[in-house]
Protein backbone atom coordinates (compact mmCIF):
# COMPACT_ATOMS: atom_id res chain seq x y z
CA MET A 1 103.20 46.72 -34.15
CA LYS A 2 103.85 46.45 -37.85
CA ASN A 3 101.24 45.38 -40.35
CA SER A 4 102.37 41.74 -40.69
CA THR A 5 100.59 39.03 -42.62
CA VAL A 6 100.63 35.27 -42.15
CA TYR A 7 102.86 35.13 -45.24
CA ASP A 8 105.62 36.85 -43.22
CA CYS A 9 105.70 33.70 -41.06
CA SER A 10 107.44 30.57 -42.27
CA ILE A 11 108.86 27.19 -41.40
CA ILE A 12 112.62 27.35 -40.91
CA GLU A 13 114.70 24.20 -41.14
CA LEU A 14 117.17 24.12 -38.26
CA ASN A 15 120.67 22.70 -38.54
CA ARG A 16 120.76 18.93 -38.13
CA HIS A 17 123.75 16.75 -37.46
CA HIS A 18 123.29 12.99 -37.86
CA SER A 19 125.12 10.08 -36.34
CA ASP A 20 124.05 6.52 -37.07
CA ARG A 21 125.36 5.39 -33.68
CA LYS A 22 124.67 8.37 -31.44
CA GLY A 23 121.38 9.92 -32.60
CA ASN A 24 120.73 13.42 -33.91
CA LEU A 25 121.65 16.92 -32.80
CA THR A 26 119.93 20.17 -33.75
CA VAL A 27 121.69 23.49 -33.24
CA VAL A 28 120.00 26.87 -32.76
CA GLU A 29 122.16 30.02 -32.88
CA ASN A 30 121.19 33.67 -32.54
CA LYS A 31 120.84 35.53 -35.84
CA SER A 32 122.10 32.47 -37.70
CA THR A 33 119.53 29.68 -37.56
CA VAL A 34 117.06 32.00 -35.79
CA PRO A 35 116.70 35.50 -37.34
CA PHE A 36 116.72 37.24 -33.93
CA ASP A 37 118.58 37.11 -30.63
CA VAL A 38 116.90 34.62 -28.30
CA ARG A 39 116.26 36.29 -24.95
CA ARG A 40 113.72 33.84 -23.51
CA VAL A 41 113.01 30.13 -23.89
CA TYR A 42 109.97 28.34 -22.51
CA TYR A 43 108.18 25.11 -23.25
CA LEU A 44 104.70 23.64 -22.95
CA TYR A 45 104.13 20.01 -22.04
CA ASP A 46 101.47 17.74 -20.55
CA VAL A 47 98.81 19.76 -22.39
CA PRO A 48 95.51 17.85 -21.88
CA GLY A 49 93.68 16.59 -24.94
CA GLY A 50 91.29 19.11 -26.47
CA VAL A 51 92.97 22.12 -24.82
CA SER A 52 94.10 25.13 -26.87
CA ARG A 53 97.08 27.29 -25.96
CA GLY A 54 98.12 30.70 -27.23
CA GLY A 55 95.08 32.71 -28.21
CA HIS A 56 96.94 36.01 -28.37
CA ALA A 57 99.22 38.19 -30.49
CA HIS A 58 102.31 40.25 -29.72
CA ARG A 59 103.10 43.85 -30.60
CA GLN A 60 106.90 43.51 -30.87
CA LEU A 61 107.90 39.92 -30.01
CA PHE A 62 109.29 37.47 -32.56
CA GLN A 63 108.98 33.76 -31.78
CA MET A 64 110.22 30.44 -33.13
CA ILE A 65 107.89 27.58 -32.18
CA VAL A 66 109.32 24.04 -32.29
CA ALA A 67 107.71 20.64 -31.65
CA VAL A 68 110.60 19.15 -29.68
CA SER A 69 108.57 15.98 -29.20
CA GLY A 70 105.22 14.82 -30.57
CA SER A 71 103.05 17.11 -32.64
CA PHE A 72 100.57 19.98 -32.51
CA SER A 73 98.96 22.48 -34.87
CA VAL A 74 99.59 26.22 -34.93
CA THR A 75 96.99 28.44 -36.57
CA LEU A 76 98.20 31.91 -37.51
CA ASP A 77 95.76 34.73 -38.20
CA ASP A 78 96.57 38.21 -39.50
CA GLY A 79 92.98 39.45 -39.24
CA THR A 80 92.28 38.59 -42.89
CA VAL A 81 93.97 35.25 -43.67
CA LYS A 82 94.50 32.16 -41.51
CA ARG A 83 97.17 29.51 -42.07
CA THR A 84 97.57 26.30 -40.09
CA PHE A 85 100.90 24.50 -39.70
CA LEU A 86 101.40 20.99 -38.33
CA LEU A 87 104.60 20.94 -36.32
CA ASN A 88 105.95 17.44 -35.79
CA ARG A 89 109.72 17.55 -36.38
CA PRO A 90 112.27 18.84 -33.82
CA TYR A 91 114.45 20.26 -36.60
CA LYS A 92 111.75 22.54 -38.01
CA GLY A 93 110.63 25.75 -36.36
CA LEU A 94 107.77 28.09 -37.17
CA LEU A 95 108.84 31.74 -37.24
CA VAL A 96 106.01 33.95 -35.97
CA VAL A 97 106.44 37.68 -36.46
CA PRO A 98 104.79 40.47 -34.41
CA GLY A 99 101.18 41.32 -35.18
CA ILE A 100 99.98 37.75 -35.77
CA TRP A 101 97.33 36.00 -33.67
CA ARG A 102 98.31 32.43 -32.84
CA THR A 103 96.48 29.41 -31.45
CA LEU A 104 98.05 26.03 -30.66
CA ASP A 105 95.80 22.94 -30.81
CA ASP A 106 95.72 19.18 -31.31
CA PHE A 107 98.59 18.31 -28.98
CA SER A 108 99.60 14.66 -29.28
CA SER A 109 100.29 12.62 -26.16
CA GLY A 110 103.76 13.51 -24.91
CA ALA A 111 104.06 16.62 -27.09
CA VAL A 112 106.60 19.24 -26.03
CA CYS A 113 106.36 22.71 -27.57
CA MET A 114 109.47 24.86 -27.18
CA VAL A 115 109.25 28.59 -27.87
CA LEU A 116 112.29 30.78 -28.53
CA ALA A 117 111.41 34.44 -27.99
CA SER A 118 113.17 37.65 -28.99
CA GLU A 119 112.39 39.41 -25.68
CA GLY A 120 111.78 38.63 -22.05
CA TYR A 121 108.23 38.44 -20.73
CA ASP A 122 106.38 41.76 -21.00
CA GLU A 123 102.64 41.76 -20.34
CA THR A 124 102.20 45.06 -22.22
CA ASP A 125 103.37 43.35 -25.44
CA TYR A 126 100.39 40.96 -25.41
CA ILE A 127 97.10 41.49 -27.24
CA ARG A 128 94.77 39.03 -25.53
CA ASP A 129 91.39 40.14 -26.87
CA TYR A 130 90.65 39.15 -30.47
CA ALA A 131 88.37 42.16 -31.09
CA ASP A 132 91.17 44.48 -29.91
CA PHE A 133 93.56 42.66 -32.24
CA LEU A 134 91.24 43.16 -35.22
CA ASN A 135 90.83 46.86 -34.36
CA LEU A 136 94.60 47.34 -34.19
CA LYS A 137 95.06 45.57 -37.53
CA GLN A 138 92.34 47.75 -39.09
CA THR A 139 94.05 50.88 -37.76
CA LEU A 140 97.31 49.78 -39.40
CA ASN A 141 95.51 49.21 -42.71
CA ASP A 142 93.95 52.70 -42.76
């Protein structure tokens, strides 16, 4: 895990193609619109009101989080600074780098959260305990 900060994470505008008669199209391409090769895609939906998702960090995994429909908030935490992003446009993705704790909240009715990930699922990449996360971050700062 590298010593990332929340300022290494950013909103990336994805390619949009407009048609007055046919709607809109957004394109995502490996190492072009997304700065990594996408190896896994998953999405969250029907999240009940008041429920939080996430609540973990990754050691190596990069992610792009997109509100495909509706809206939700993503709070990023590097152990020192927190930043909250409102995602509510399907053509904007939040790049989350390794070593950042993330929590997703405030899902609107009908919200769909799509996550593009740089690796397949690997349980050993997760940091699920916040105290462990803070200890790892402190170790990297020493």
